[in-house]
All heavy atoms as atom14 arrays in JSON, in Angstrom:
{
  "sequence": "REDRALPLNDRVALYFHLLACKACPRFEKQLLTLRNSMQQWRH",
  "atom14_mask": [
    [1, 1, 1, 1, 1, 1, 1, 1, 1, 1, 1, 0, 0, 0],
    [1, 1, 1, 1, 1, 1, 1, 1, 1, 0, 0, 0, 0, 0],
    [1, 1, 1, 1, 1, 1, 1, 1, 0, 0, 0, 0, 0, 0],
    [1, 1, 1, 1, 1, 1, 1, 1, 1, 1, 1, 0, 0, 0],
    [1, 1, 1, 1, 1, 0, 0, 0, 0, 0, 0, 0, 0, 0],
    [1, 1, 1, 1, 1, 1, 1, 1, 0, 0, 0, 0, 0, 0],
    [1, 1, 1, 1, 1, 1, 1, 0, 0, 0, 0, 0, 0, 0],
    [1, 1, 1, 1, 1, 1, 1, 1, 0, 0, 0, 0, 0, 0],
    [1, 1, 1, 1, 1, 1, 1, 1, 0, 0, 0, 0, 0, 0],
    [1, 1, 1, 1, 1, 1, 1, 1, 0, 0, 0, 0, 0, 0],
    [1, 1, 1, 1, 1, 1, 1, 1, 1, 1, 1, 0, 0, 0],
    [1, 1, 1, 1, 1, 1, 1, 0, 0, 0, 0, 0, 0, 0],
    [1, 1, 1, 1, 1, 0, 0, 0, 0, 0, 0, 0, 0, 0],
    [1, 1, 1, 1, 1, 1, 1, 1, 0, 0, 0, 0, 0, 0],
    [1, 1, 1, 1, 1, 1, 1, 1, 1, 1, 1, 1, 0, 0],
    [1, 1, 1, 1, 1, 1, 1, 1, 1, 1, 1, 0, 0, 0],
    [1, 1, 1, 1, 1, 1, 1, 1, 1, 1, 0, 0, 0, 0],
    [1, 1, 1, 1, 1, 1, 1, 1, 0, 0, 0, 0, 0, 0],
    [1, 1, 1, 1, 1, 1, 1, 1, 0, 0, 0, 0, 0, 0],
    [1, 1, 1, 1, 1, 0, 0, 0, 0, 0, 0, 0, 0, 0],
    [1, 1, 1, 1, 1, 1, 0, 0, 0, 0, 0, 0, 0, 0],
    [1, 1, 1, 1, 1, 1, 1, 1, 1, 0, 0, 0, 0, 0],
    [1, 1, 1, 1, 1, 0, 0, 0, 0, 0, 0, 0, 0, 0],
    [1, 1, 1, 1, 1, 1, 0, 0, 0, 0, 0, 0, 0, 0],
    [1, 1, 1, 1, 1, 1, 1, 0, 0, 0, 0, 0, 0, 0],
    [1, 1, 1, 1, 1, 1, 1, 1, 1, 1, 1, 0, 0, 0],
    [1, 1, 1, 1, 1, 1, 1, 1, 1, 1, 1, 0, 0, 0],
    [1, 1, 1, 1, 1, 1, 1, 1, 1, 0, 0, 0, 0, 0],
    [1, 1, 1, 1, 1, 1, 1, 1, 1, 0, 0, 0, 0, 0],
    [1, 1, 1, 1, 1, 1, 1, 1, 1, 0, 0, 0, 0, 0],
    [1, 1, 1, 1, 1, 1, 1, 1, 0, 0, 0, 0, 0, 0],
    [1, 1, 1, 1, 1, 1, 1, 1, 0, 0, 0, 0, 0, 0],
    [1, 1, 1, 1, 1, 1, 1, 0, 0, 0, 0, 0, 0, 0],
    [1, 1, 1, 1, 1, 1, 1, 1, 0, 0, 0, 0, 0, 0],
    [1, 1, 1, 1, 1, 1, 1, 1, 1, 1, 1, 0, 0, 0],
    [1, 1, 1, 1, 1, 1, 1, 1, 0, 0, 0, 0, 0, 0],
    [1, 1, 1, 1, 1, 1, 0, 0, 0, 0, 0, 0, 0, 0],
    [1, 1, 1, 1, 1, 1, 1, 1, 0, 0, 0, 0, 0, 0],
    [1, 1, 1, 1, 1, 1, 1, 1, 1, 0, 0, 0, 0, 0],
    [1, 1, 1, 1, 1, 1, 1, 1, 1, 0, 0, 0, 0, 0],
    [1, 1, 1, 1, 1, 1, 1, 1, 1, 1, 1, 1, 1, 1],
    [1, 1, 1, 1, 1, 1, 1, 1, 1, 1, 1, 0, 0, 0],
    [1, 1, 1, 1, 1, 1, 1, 1, 1, 1, 0, 0, 0, 0]
  ],
  "atom14_positions": [
    [[-14.62, 0.61, -1.54], [-14.53, 1.73, -2.49], [-13.37, 2.66, -2.15], [-12.85, 3.36, -3.01], [-15.85, 2.49, -2.47], [-15.95, 3.58, -3.51], [-17.29, 4.24, -3.5], [-17.44, 5.02, -2.28], [-18.5, 5.75, -1.99], [-19.52, 5.77, -2.82], [-18.56, 6.44, -0.88], [0.0, 0.0, 0.0], [0.0, 0.0, 0.0], [0.0, 0.0, 0.0]],
    [[-12.94, 2.64, -0.9], [-11.79, 3.45, -0.51], [-10.49, 2.94, -1.14], [-9.56, 3.7, -1.33], [-11.65, 3.46, 1.02], [-12.77, 4.14, 1.75], [-12.81, 5.64, 1.5], [-11.75, 6.29, 1.58], [-13.9, 6.16, 1.19], [0.0, 0.0, 0.0], [0.0, 0.0, 0.0], [0.0, 0.0, 0.0], [0.0, 0.0, 0.0], [0.0, 0.0, 0.0]],
    [[-10.44, 1.65, -1.44], [-9.2, 1.04, -1.92], [-9.19, 0.73, -3.41], [-8.12, 0.59, -3.99], [-8.95, -0.28, -1.17], [-8.73, -0.06, 0.31], [-8.15, 0.97, 0.67], [-9.14, -0.93, 1.1], [0.0, 0.0, 0.0], [0.0, 0.0, 0.0], [0.0, 0.0, 0.0], [0.0, 0.0, 0.0], [0.0, 0.0, 0.0], [0.0, 0.0, 0.0]],
    [[-10.36, 0.59, -4.0], [-10.4, 0.16, -5.4], [-11.7, 0.63, -6.05], [-12.66, 0.99, -5.36], [-10.31, -1.36, -5.51], [-11.46, -2.08, -4.82], [-11.33, -3.6, -4.94], [-12.22, -4.29, -4.05], [-13.52, -4.51, -4.29], [-14.07, -4.09, -5.4], [-14.26, -5.16, -3.42], [0.0, 0.0, 0.0], [0.0, 0.0, 0.0], [0.0, 0.0, 0.0]],
    [[-11.68, 0.64, -7.36], [-12.89, 0.98, -8.12], [-13.85, -0.21, -8.07], [-13.43, -1.36, -8.2], [-12.54, 1.29, -9.56], [0.0, 0.0, 0.0], [0.0, 0.0, 0.0], [0.0, 0.0, 0.0], [0.0, 0.0, 0.0], [0.0, 0.0, 0.0], [0.0, 0.0, 0.0], [0.0, 0.0, 0.0], [0.0, 0.0, 0.0], [0.0, 0.0, 0.0]],
    [[-15.11, 0.08, -7.84], [-16.12, -0.98, -7.78], [-16.66, -1.29, -9.17], [-16.77, -0.4, -10.01], [-17.28, -0.55, -6.88], [-16.96, -0.28, -5.41], [-18.22, 0.22, -4.69], [-16.42, -1.51, -4.73], [0.0, 0.0, 0.0], [0.0, 0.0, 0.0], [0.0, 0.0, 0.0], [0.0, 0.0, 0.0], [0.0, 0.0, 0.0], [0.0, 0.0, 0.0]],
    [[-17.05, -2.55, -9.39], [-17.71, -2.89, -10.66], [-19.03, -2.13, -10.79], [-19.63, -1.7, -9.79], [-17.97, -4.39, -10.54], [-17.13, -4.88, -9.43], [-16.87, -3.71, -8.53], [0.0, 0.0, 0.0], [0.0, 0.0, 0.0], [0.0, 0.0, 0.0], [0.0, 0.0, 0.0], [0.0, 0.0, 0.0], [0.0, 0.0, 0.0], [0.0, 0.0, 0.0]],
    [[-19.49, -1.97, -12.0], [-20.7, -1.19, -12.27], [-21.9, -1.69, -11.47], [-22.62, -0.88, -10.88], [-21.02, -1.22, -13.77], [-22.28, -0.45, -14.19], [-22.14, 1.03, -13.84], [-22.55, -0.65, -15.66], [0.0, 0.0, 0.0], [0.0, 0.0, 0.0], [0.0, 0.0, 0.0], [0.0, 0.0, 0.0], [0.0, 0.0, 0.0], [0.0, 0.0, 0.0]],
    [[-22.12, -3.0, -11.42], [-23.29, -3.5, -10.7], [-23.22, -3.15, -9.2], [-24.24, -2.84, -8.59], [-23.48, -5.0, -10.91], [-22.34, -5.82, -10.34], [-21.18, -5.41, -10.37], [-22.66, -7.0, -9.85], [0.0, 0.0, 0.0], [0.0, 0.0, 0.0], [0.0, 0.0, 0.0], [0.0, 0.0, 0.0], [0.0, 0.0, 0.0], [0.0, 0.0, 0.0]],
    [[-22.04, -3.16, -8.61], [-21.9, -2.78, -7.2], [-22.12, -1.28, -7.01], [-22.72, -0.85, -6.04], [-20.52, -3.17, -6.66], [-20.4, -4.65, -6.4], [-21.44, -5.33, -6.22], [-19.26, -5.15, -6.36], [0.0, 0.0, 0.0], [0.0, 0.0, 0.0], [0.0, 0.0, 0.0], [0.0, 0.0, 0.0], [0.0, 0.0, 0.0], [0.0, 0.0, 0.0]],
    [[-21.64, -0.47, -7.95], [-21.84, 0.98, -7.86], [-23.32, 1.33, -7.94], [-23.82, 2.17, -7.18], [-21.06, 1.71, -8.95], [-19.57, 1.68, -8.75], [-18.83, 2.67, -9.66], [-19.28, 2.67, -11.03], [-18.65, 2.09, -12.04], [-17.53, 1.43, -11.83], [-19.12, 2.17, -13.26], [0.0, 0.0, 0.0], [0.0, 0.0, 0.0], [0.0, 0.0, 0.0]],
    [[-24.03, 0.66, -8.85], [-25.47, 0.93, -9.01], [-26.22, 0.47, -7.76], [-27.07, 1.19, -7.23], [-26.02, 0.24, -10.28], [-27.53, 0.32, -10.34], [-25.4, 0.86, -11.52], [0.0, 0.0, 0.0], [0.0, 0.0, 0.0], [0.0, 0.0, 0.0], [0.0, 0.0, 0.0], [0.0, 0.0, 0.0], [0.0, 0.0, 0.0], [0.0, 0.0, 0.0]],
    [[-25.91, -0.72, -7.26], [-26.56, -1.23, -6.05], [-26.28, -0.32, -4.87], [-27.17, -0.03, -4.06], [-26.09, -2.65, -5.75], [0.0, 0.0, 0.0], [0.0, 0.0, 0.0], [0.0, 0.0, 0.0], [0.0, 0.0, 0.0], [0.0, 0.0, 0.0], [0.0, 0.0, 0.0], [0.0, 0.0, 0.0], [0.0, 0.0, 0.0], [0.0, 0.0, 0.0]],
    [[-25.06, 0.15, -4.76], [-24.69, 1.07, -3.69], [-25.49, 2.37, -3.79], [-26.04, 2.85, -2.79], [-23.19, 1.35, -3.78], [-22.55, 2.19, -2.7], [-22.69, 1.55, -1.33], [-21.08, 2.41, -3.01], [0.0, 0.0, 0.0], [0.0, 0.0, 0.0], [0.0, 0.0, 0.0], [0.0, 0.0, 0.0], [0.0, 0.0, 0.0], [0.0, 0.0, 0.0]],
    [[-25.59, 2.92, -4.98], [-26.34, 4.14, -5.2], [-27.79, 3.99, -4.74], [-28.3, 4.84, -3.99], [-26.28, 4.52, -6.69], [-27.14, 5.69, -7.05], [-26.74, 6.99, -6.79], [-28.38, 5.5, -7.65], [-27.54, 8.07, -7.13], [-29.19, 6.57, -7.99], [-28.76, 7.86, -7.73], [-29.56, 8.92, -8.05], [0.0, 0.0, 0.0], [0.0, 0.0, 0.0]],
    [[-28.44, 2.92, -5.17], [-29.85, 2.74, -4.81], [-30.03, 2.45, -3.32], [-30.99, 2.92, -2.7], [-30.5, 1.64, -5.66], [-30.81, 2.1, -7.06], [-30.19, 1.52, -8.15], [-31.7, 3.14, -7.28], [-30.46, 1.95, -9.43], [-31.98, 3.58, -8.55], [-31.36, 2.99, -9.64], [0.0, 0.0, 0.0], [0.0, 0.0, 0.0], [0.0, 0.0, 0.0]],
    [[-29.11, 1.71, -2.73], [-29.22, 1.44, -1.3], [-29.08, 2.73, -0.51], [-29.83, 2.98, 0.44], [-28.18, 0.41, -0.85], [-28.32, 0.05, 0.59], [-29.1, -1.01, 1.02], [-27.83, 0.63, 1.72], [-29.07, -1.06, 2.35], [-28.3, -0.08, 2.79], [0.0, 0.0, 0.0], [0.0, 0.0, 0.0], [0.0, 0.0, 0.0], [0.0, 0.0, 0.0]],
    [[-28.13, 3.58, -0.91], [-27.92, 4.84, -0.19], [-29.12, 5.77, -0.32], [-29.39, 6.57, 0.59], [-26.66, 5.53, -0.69], [-25.34, 4.83, -0.32], [-24.16, 5.49, -1.02], [-25.13, 4.79, 1.18], [0.0, 0.0, 0.0], [0.0, 0.0, 0.0], [0.0, 0.0, 0.0], [0.0, 0.0, 0.0], [0.0, 0.0, 0.0], [0.0, 0.0, 0.0]],
    [[-29.87, 5.65, -1.41], [-31.09, 6.46, -1.56], [-32.19, 5.99, -0.61], [-32.98, 6.8, -0.11], [-31.62, 6.37, -2.99], [-30.89, 7.17, -4.05], [-31.51, 6.89, -5.42], [-30.91, 8.65, -3.75], [0.0, 0.0, 0.0], [0.0, 0.0, 0.0], [0.0, 0.0, 0.0], [0.0, 0.0, 0.0], [0.0, 0.0, 0.0], [0.0, 0.0, 0.0]],
    [[-32.24, 4.69, -0.36], [-33.35, 4.11, 0.39], [-33.08, 3.97, 1.89], [-34.01, 3.81, 2.68], [-33.7, 2.74, -0.17], [0.0, 0.0, 0.0], [0.0, 0.0, 0.0], [0.0, 0.0, 0.0], [0.0, 0.0, 0.0], [0.0, 0.0, 0.0], [0.0, 0.0, 0.0], [0.0, 0.0, 0.0], [0.0, 0.0, 0.0], [0.0, 0.0, 0.0]],
    [[-31.83, 4.03, 2.3], [-31.46, 3.73, 3.68], [-31.12, 5.02, 4.44], [-30.58, 5.96, 3.87], [-30.25, 2.79, 3.67], [-29.7, 2.27, 5.3], [0.0, 0.0, 0.0], [0.0, 0.0, 0.0], [0.0, 0.0, 0.0], [0.0, 0.0, 0.0], [0.0, 0.0, 0.0], [0.0, 0.0, 0.0], [0.0, 0.0, 0.0], [0.0, 0.0, 0.0]],
    [[-31.42, 5.04, 5.73], [-31.06, 6.2, 6.54], [-29.7, 6.05, 7.2], [-28.96, 7.02, 7.37], [-32.11, 6.43, 7.63], [-33.43, 6.93, 7.11], [-34.37, 7.23, 8.24], [-35.69, 7.73, 7.7], [-36.63, 8.05, 8.77], [0.0, 0.0, 0.0], [0.0, 0.0, 0.0], [0.0, 0.0, 0.0], [0.0, 0.0, 0.0], [0.0, 0.0, 0.0]],
    [[-29.34, 4.85, 7.57], [-28.1, 4.63, 8.33], [-26.86, 4.63, 7.44], [-25.82, 5.18, 7.82], [-28.18, 3.31, 9.1], [0.0, 0.0, 0.0], [0.0, 0.0, 0.0], [0.0, 0.0, 0.0], [0.0, 0.0, 0.0], [0.0, 0.0, 0.0], [0.0, 0.0, 0.0], [0.0, 0.0, 0.0], [0.0, 0.0, 0.0], [0.0, 0.0, 0.0]],
    [[-26.92, 4.01, 6.29], [-25.73, 3.85, 5.46], [-25.15, 5.18, 4.95], [-23.93, 5.32, 4.9], [-26.0, 2.88, 4.32], [-26.16, 1.17, 4.93], [0.0, 0.0, 0.0], [0.0, 0.0, 0.0], [0.0, 0.0, 0.0], [0.0, 0.0, 0.0], [0.0, 0.0, 0.0], [0.0, 0.0, 0.0], [0.0, 0.0, 0.0], [0.0, 0.0, 0.0]],
    [[-25.97, 6.16, 4.58], [-25.37, 7.45, 4.21], [-24.61, 8.11, 5.38], [-23.61, 8.78, 5.16], [-26.58, 8.3, 3.8], [-27.58, 7.31, 3.33], [-27.4, 6.12, 4.24], [0.0, 0.0, 0.0], [0.0, 0.0, 0.0], [0.0, 0.0, 0.0], [0.0, 0.0, 0.0], [0.0, 0.0, 0.0], [0.0, 0.0, 0.0], [0.0, 0.0, 0.0]],
    [[-25.07, 7.87, 6.59], [-24.33, 8.39, 7.75], [-22.97, 7.71, 7.86], [-21.96, 8.35, 8.14], [-25.12, 8.21, 9.04], [-26.28, 9.18, 9.17], [-26.86, 9.15, 10.56], [-27.38, 7.83, 10.87], [-28.65, 7.55, 11.13], [-29.53, 8.51, 11.13], [-29.03, 6.32, 11.4], [0.0, 0.0, 0.0], [0.0, 0.0, 0.0], [0.0, 0.0, 0.0]],
    [[-22.96, 6.39, 7.63], [-21.7, 5.65, 7.66], [-20.77, 6.14, 6.55], [-19.57, 6.32, 6.77], [-21.96, 4.15, 7.54], [-20.72, 3.32, 7.57], [-19.95, 3.24, 8.72], [-20.31, 2.63, 6.46], [-18.79, 2.49, 8.76], [-19.16, 1.86, 6.49], [-18.4, 1.79, 7.64], [0.0, 0.0, 0.0], [0.0, 0.0, 0.0], [0.0, 0.0, 0.0]],
    [[-21.34, 6.4, 5.37], [-20.54, 6.92, 4.26], [-19.92, 8.26, 4.64], [-18.73, 8.51, 4.39], [-21.41, 7.07, 3.01], [-20.65, 7.64, 1.83], [-21.55, 7.88, 0.63], [-22.73, 8.25, 0.81], [-21.07, 7.7, -0.49], [0.0, 0.0, 0.0], [0.0, 0.0, 0.0], [0.0, 0.0, 0.0], [0.0, 0.0, 0.0], [0.0, 0.0, 0.0]],
    [[-20.7, 9.11, 5.26], [-20.19, 10.42, 5.69], [-19.08, 10.26, 6.73], [-18.07, 10.98, 6.7], [-21.33, 11.27, 6.25], [-20.93, 12.67, 6.59], [-22.09, 13.5, 7.06], [-21.62, 14.89, 7.46], [-22.71, 15.71, 7.97], [0.0, 0.0, 0.0], [0.0, 0.0, 0.0], [0.0, 0.0, 0.0], [0.0, 0.0, 0.0], [0.0, 0.0, 0.0]],
    [[-19.24, 9.32, 7.64], [-18.2, 9.05, 8.63], [-16.91, 8.57, 7.97], [-15.81, 8.99, 8.36], [-18.68, 8.03, 9.66], [-19.77, 8.54, 10.57], [-20.41, 7.45, 11.39], [-20.25, 6.27, 11.12], [-21.17, 7.85, 12.41], [0.0, 0.0, 0.0], [0.0, 0.0, 0.0], [0.0, 0.0, 0.0], [0.0, 0.0, 0.0], [0.0, 0.0, 0.0]],
    [[-17.02, 7.7, 6.97], [-15.84, 7.24, 6.24], [-15.14, 8.4, 5.54], [-13.91, 8.49, 5.55], [-16.22, 6.18, 5.21], [-16.47, 4.77, 5.72], [-16.92, 3.88, 4.56], [-15.24, 4.2, 6.37], [0.0, 0.0, 0.0], [0.0, 0.0, 0.0], [0.0, 0.0, 0.0], [0.0, 0.0, 0.0], [0.0, 0.0, 0.0], [0.0, 0.0, 0.0]],
    [[-15.91, 9.27, 4.91], [-15.33, 10.42, 4.23], [-14.64, 11.36, 5.21], [-13.56, 11.88, 4.93], [-16.4, 11.16, 3.43], [-17.01, 10.4, 2.25], [-18.17, 11.18, 1.64], [-15.97, 10.08, 1.21], [0.0, 0.0, 0.0], [0.0, 0.0, 0.0], [0.0, 0.0, 0.0], [0.0, 0.0, 0.0], [0.0, 0.0, 0.0], [0.0, 0.0, 0.0]],
    [[-15.25, 11.55, 6.36], [-14.63, 12.38, 7.4], [-13.32, 11.76, 7.87], [-12.31, 12.46, 8.02], [-15.59, 12.56, 8.59], [-16.78, 13.21, 8.12], [-14.96, 13.37, 9.7], [0.0, 0.0, 0.0], [0.0, 0.0, 0.0], [0.0, 0.0, 0.0], [0.0, 0.0, 0.0], [0.0, 0.0, 0.0], [0.0, 0.0, 0.0], [0.0, 0.0, 0.0]],
    [[-13.32, 10.46, 8.07], [-12.11, 9.76, 8.49], [-11.02, 9.88, 7.42], [-9.86, 10.16, 7.73], [-12.43, 8.3, 8.77], [-11.29, 7.44, 9.26], [-10.75, 7.96, 10.59], [-11.77, 6.01, 9.44], [0.0, 0.0, 0.0], [0.0, 0.0, 0.0], [0.0, 0.0, 0.0], [0.0, 0.0, 0.0], [0.0, 0.0, 0.0], [0.0, 0.0, 0.0]],
    [[-11.39, 9.68, 6.15], [-10.41, 9.79, 5.07], [-9.82, 11.2, 5.01], [-8.61, 11.38, 4.91], [-11.04, 9.45, 3.73], [-10.02, 9.6, 2.61], [-10.45, 9.19, 1.23], [-11.84, 9.05, 0.99], [-12.48, 9.6, -0.04], [-11.83, 10.32, -0.91], [-13.76, 9.41, -0.21], [0.0, 0.0, 0.0], [0.0, 0.0, 0.0], [0.0, 0.0, 0.0]],
    [[-10.67, 12.22, 5.1], [-10.19, 13.6, 5.06], [-9.29, 13.91, 6.26], [-8.27, 14.58, 6.11], [-11.36, 14.57, 5.01], [-12.08, 14.51, 3.69], [-11.52, 14.11, 2.68], [-13.35, 14.89, 3.69], [0.0, 0.0, 0.0], [0.0, 0.0, 0.0], [0.0, 0.0, 0.0], [0.0, 0.0, 0.0], [0.0, 0.0, 0.0], [0.0, 0.0, 0.0]],
    [[-9.66, 13.41, 7.41], [-8.84, 13.63, 8.6], [-7.48, 12.97, 8.46], [-6.45, 13.55, 8.84], [-9.54, 13.08, 9.85], [-10.75, 13.76, 10.07], [0.0, 0.0, 0.0], [0.0, 0.0, 0.0], [0.0, 0.0, 0.0], [0.0, 0.0, 0.0], [0.0, 0.0, 0.0], [0.0, 0.0, 0.0], [0.0, 0.0, 0.0], [0.0, 0.0, 0.0]],
    [[-7.45, 11.77, 7.92], [-6.17, 11.08, 7.72], [-5.31, 11.8, 6.7], [-4.09, 11.9, 6.87], [-6.41, 9.63, 7.29], [-7.02, 8.76, 8.37], [-6.05, 8.73, 9.9], [-4.59, 7.91, 9.34], [0.0, 0.0, 0.0], [0.0, 0.0, 0.0], [0.0, 0.0, 0.0], [0.0, 0.0, 0.0], [0.0, 0.0, 0.0], [0.0, 0.0, 0.0]],
    [[-5.9, 12.34, 5.66], [-5.13, 13.11, 4.67], [-4.54, 14.35, 5.31], [-3.38, 14.69, 5.08], [-6.0, 13.49, 3.48], [-6.3, 12.33, 2.57], [-7.28, 12.71, 1.47], [-7.89, 13.77, 1.49], [-7.44, 11.82, 0.5], [0.0, 0.0, 0.0], [0.0, 0.0, 0.0], [0.0, 0.0, 0.0], [0.0, 0.0, 0.0], [0.0, 0.0, 0.0]],
    [[-5.31, 15.04, 6.14], [-4.8, 16.22, 6.83], [-3.69, 15.85, 7.8], [-2.68, 16.54, 7.89], [-5.94, 16.94, 7.57], [-6.89, 17.63, 6.65], [-8.04, 18.28, 7.4], [-8.1, 18.25, 8.63], [-8.96, 18.87, 6.67], [0.0, 0.0, 0.0], [0.0, 0.0, 0.0], [0.0, 0.0, 0.0], [0.0, 0.0, 0.0], [0.0, 0.0, 0.0]],
    [[-3.85, 14.75, 8.51], [-2.83, 14.3, 9.45], [-1.55, 13.95, 8.7], [-0.46, 14.3, 9.12], [-3.34, 13.09, 10.24], [-2.31, 12.55, 11.19], [-2.0, 13.03, 12.41], [-1.48, 11.4, 10.97], [-1.01, 12.26, 12.99], [-0.67, 11.26, 12.12], [-1.33, 10.51, 9.92], [0.27, 10.25, 12.24], [-0.4, 9.5, 10.04], [0.39, 9.38, 11.2]],
    [[-1.69, 13.23, 7.59], [-0.53, 12.86, 6.78], [0.2, 14.1, 6.3], [1.42, 14.19, 6.35], [-0.99, 12.01, 5.6], [0.01, 10.99, 5.16], [-0.53, 10.05, 4.1], [-1.51, 9.12, 4.64], [-2.75, 8.99, 4.21], [-3.2, 9.72, 3.23], [-3.56, 8.13, 4.75], [0.0, 0.0, 0.0], [0.0, 0.0, 0.0], [0.0, 0.0, 0.0]],
    [[-0.55, 15.09, 5.84], [0.04, 16.35, 5.37], [0.73, 17.06, 6.54], [1.83, 17.57, 6.39], [-1.04, 17.24, 4.75], [-0.52, 18.54, 4.26], [0.29, 18.63, 3.16], [-0.68, 19.79, 4.73], [0.6, 19.91, 2.98], [0.03, 20.63, 3.91], [0.0, 0.0, 0.0], [0.0, 0.0, 0.0], [0.0, 0.0, 0.0], [0.0, 0.0, 0.0]]
  ]
}
């Protein structure tokens, strides 16, 4: 998802998995932190 738009079925599956799982939302937050940090570093 960082590189490309996901198809609708993958977006829906991702949404429901993130609602039901405890670990994956933490991983998502880590990815977002990494992306934001890289943008700040690039700037």
